[in-house]
Amino acid sequence: MTIEIYRATLKYDKGKINLCIVSLNGEQGAKEQIISGEGCPESAIIKIKKLTAKAV
């Protein structure tokens, strides 16, 4: 199992926000977590970057 940490930048009407996401399902899993947690469309995610990977 690999734990991956991503930093995502989301664009809102009033500006931008940065989030850190811990995902077991890669970049697509991180995007799905952001979409369901923030209630935003995928187009609101303007940047996503993998920070680290640790094997458990």
N, C-alpha and C. Protein backbone atom coordinates (compact mmCIF):
# COMPACT_ATOMS: atom_id res chain seq x y z
N MET A 1 0.85 -1.17 0.00
CA MET A 1 0.00 0.00 0.00
C MET A 1 0.90 1.24 0.00
N THR A 2 0.56 2.18 -0.82
CA THR A 2 1.35 3.42 -0.92
C THR A 2 0.49 4.61 -0.54
N ILE A 3 0.97 5.39 0.40
CA ILE A 3 0.30 6.61 0.79
C ILE A 3 0.93 7.75 0.00
N GLU A 4 0.12 8.48 -0.71
CA GLU A 4 0.60 9.60 -1.51
C GLU A 4 -0.02 10.89 -1.01
N ILE A 5 0.78 11.93 -0.95
CA ILE A 5 0.31 13.24 -0.48
C ILE A 5 0.38 14.20 -1.66
N TYR A 6 -0.71 14.92 -1.87
CA TYR A 6 -0.81 15.86 -2.98
C TYR A 6 -1.14 17.25 -2.45
N ARG A 7 -0.66 18.26 -3.14
CA ARG A 7 -1.06 19.64 -2.89
C ARG A 7 -1.87 20.08 -4.10
N ALA A 8 -3.06 20.56 -3.85
CA ALA A 8 -3.95 20.98 -4.93
C ALA A 8 -4.30 22.45 -4.78
N THR A 9 -4.43 23.12 -5.91
CA THR A 9 -4.87 24.51 -5.94
C THR A 9 -6.23 24.55 -6.61
N LEU A 10 -7.20 25.13 -5.91
CA LEU A 10 -8.56 25.26 -6.42
C LEU A 10 -8.86 26.72 -6.68
N LYS A 11 -9.61 26.97 -7.74
CA LYS A 11 -10.01 28.33 -8.07
C LYS A 11 -11.48 28.51 -7.72
N TYR A 12 -11.76 29.51 -6.92
CA TYR A 12 -13.12 29.86 -6.53
C TYR A 12 -13.48 31.22 -7.11
N ASP A 13 -14.72 31.63 -6.93
CA ASP A 13 -15.17 32.93 -7.42
C ASP A 13 -14.36 34.07 -6.81
N LYS A 14 -13.98 33.92 -5.54
CA LYS A 14 -13.30 35.00 -4.83
C LYS A 14 -11.79 34.80 -4.73
N GLY A 15 -11.24 33.81 -5.38
CA GLY A 15 -9.79 33.63 -5.31
C GLY A 15 -9.39 32.18 -5.42
N LYS A 16 -8.25 31.86 -4.80
CA LYS A 16 -7.70 30.51 -4.86
C LYS A 16 -7.48 29.98 -3.45
N ILE A 17 -7.44 28.65 -3.34
CA ILE A 17 -7.18 28.00 -2.06
C ILE A 17 -6.26 26.80 -2.33
N ASN A 18 -5.35 26.53 -1.40
CA ASN A 18 -4.46 25.38 -1.49
C ASN A 18 -4.89 24.34 -0.46
N LEU A 19 -4.90 23.08 -0.86
CA LEU A 19 -5.26 21.97 0.03
C LEU A 19 -4.18 20.91 -0.03
N CYS A 20 -3.97 20.20 1.08
CA CYS A 20 -3.13 19.00 1.08
C CYS A 20 -4.06 17.80 1.23
N ILE A 21 -3.87 16.81 0.37
CA ILE A 21 -4.73 15.63 0.32
C ILE A 21 -3.88 14.38 0.50
N VAL A 22 -4.32 13.48 1.36
CA VAL A 22 -3.68 12.18 1.53
C VAL A 22 -4.53 11.17 0.78
N SER A 23 -3.90 10.43 -0.14
CA SER A 23 -4.66 9.52 -0.98
C SER A 23 -3.98 8.16 -1.06
N LEU A 24 -4.79 7.12 -1.10
CA LEU A 24 -4.29 5.76 -1.34
C LEU A 24 -4.53 5.34 -2.78
N ASN A 25 -5.28 6.13 -3.52
CA ASN A 25 -5.69 5.78 -4.89
C ASN A 25 -5.07 6.68 -5.94
N GLY A 26 -3.94 7.28 -5.68
CA GLY A 26 -3.26 8.10 -6.66
C GLY A 26 -3.91 9.45 -6.89
N GLU A 27 -3.51 10.07 -7.98
CA GLU A 27 -3.98 11.42 -8.29
C GLU A 27 -5.48 11.46 -8.55
N GLN A 28 -6.01 10.46 -9.23
CA GLN A 28 -7.45 10.44 -9.50
C GLN A 28 -8.24 10.31 -8.20
N GLY A 29 -7.76 9.51 -7.26
CA GLY A 29 -8.42 9.39 -5.95
C GLY A 29 -8.39 10.71 -5.19
N ALA A 30 -7.28 11.43 -5.28
CA ALA A 30 -7.18 12.73 -4.63
C ALA A 30 -8.18 13.71 -5.23
N LYS A 31 -8.31 13.70 -6.56
CA LYS A 31 -9.29 14.57 -7.21
C LYS A 31 -10.71 14.25 -6.77
N GLU A 32 -11.03 12.96 -6.67
CA GLU A 32 -12.37 12.55 -6.24
C GLU A 32 -12.63 13.00 -4.80
N GLN A 33 -11.61 12.93 -3.93
CA GLN A 33 -11.77 13.38 -2.55
C GLN A 33 -12.05 14.89 -2.52
N ILE A 34 -11.34 15.65 -3.33
CA ILE A 34 -11.54 17.10 -3.37
C ILE A 34 -12.95 17.42 -3.87
N ILE A 35 -13.36 16.77 -4.95
CA ILE A 35 -14.68 17.04 -5.54
C ILE A 35 -15.79 16.74 -4.54
N SER A 36 -15.70 15.60 -3.85
CA SER A 36 -16.76 15.25 -2.91
C SER A 36 -16.68 16.08 -1.63
N GLY A 37 -15.50 16.38 -1.16
CA GLY A 37 -15.35 17.14 0.09
C GLY A 37 -15.66 18.62 -0.05
N GLU A 38 -15.26 19.21 -1.16
CA GLU A 38 -15.47 20.64 -1.37
C GLU A 38 -16.74 20.94 -2.14
N GLY A 39 -17.31 19.93 -2.80
CA GLY A 39 -18.52 20.13 -3.58
C GLY A 39 -18.29 21.01 -4.80
N CYS A 40 -17.15 20.79 -5.44
CA CYS A 40 -16.80 21.61 -6.60
C CYS A 40 -16.64 20.74 -7.84
N PRO A 41 -16.72 21.34 -9.03
CA PRO A 41 -16.48 20.56 -10.25
C PRO A 41 -14.98 20.31 -10.43
N GLU A 42 -14.65 19.33 -11.26
CA GLU A 42 -13.24 19.01 -11.51
C GLU A 42 -12.52 20.18 -12.16
N SER A 43 -13.23 21.01 -12.90
CA SER A 43 -12.61 22.16 -13.56
C SER A 43 -12.12 23.21 -12.56
N ALA A 44 -12.56 23.15 -11.30
CA ALA A 44 -12.10 24.08 -10.27
C ALA A 44 -10.68 23.74 -9.81
N ILE A 45 -10.23 22.50 -10.05
CA ILE A 45 -8.88 22.09 -9.67
C ILE A 45 -7.95 22.55 -10.78
N ILE A 46 -7.15 23.59 -10.49
CA ILE A 46 -6.30 24.13 -11.54
C ILE A 46 -4.89 23.55 -11.51
N LYS A 47 -4.50 22.97 -10.37
CA LYS A 47 -3.15 22.39 -10.27
C LYS A 47 -3.16 21.34 -9.17
N ILE A 48 -2.47 20.23 -9.42
CA ILE A 48 -2.31 19.20 -8.41
C ILE A 48 -0.90 18.64 -8.56
N LYS A 49 -0.20 18.53 -7.42
CA LYS A 49 1.20 18.12 -7.44
C LYS A 49 1.45 17.09 -6.35
N LYS A 50 2.13 16.02 -6.71
CA LYS A 50 2.48 14.97 -5.75
C LYS A 50 3.65 15.46 -4.89
N LEU A 51 3.50 15.39 -3.57
CA LEU A 51 4.56 15.85 -2.67
C LEU A 51 5.49 14.73 -2.25
N THR A 52 4.95 13.65 -1.68
CA THR A 52 5.78 12.56 -1.18
C THR A 52 5.07 11.24 -1.41
N ALA A 53 5.82 10.17 -1.25
CA ALA A 53 5.24 8.83 -1.29
C ALA A 53 5.93 7.99 -0.23
N LYS A 54 5.14 7.28 0.56
CA LYS A 54 5.69 6.42 1.61
C LYS A 54 5.06 5.05 1.52
N ALA A 55 5.87 4.02 1.58
CA ALA A 55 5.36 2.65 1.55
C ALA A 55 5.01 2.26 2.98
N VAL A 56 3.86 1.63 3.14
CA VAL A 56 3.41 1.18 4.46
C VAL A 56 3.34 -0.31 4.48
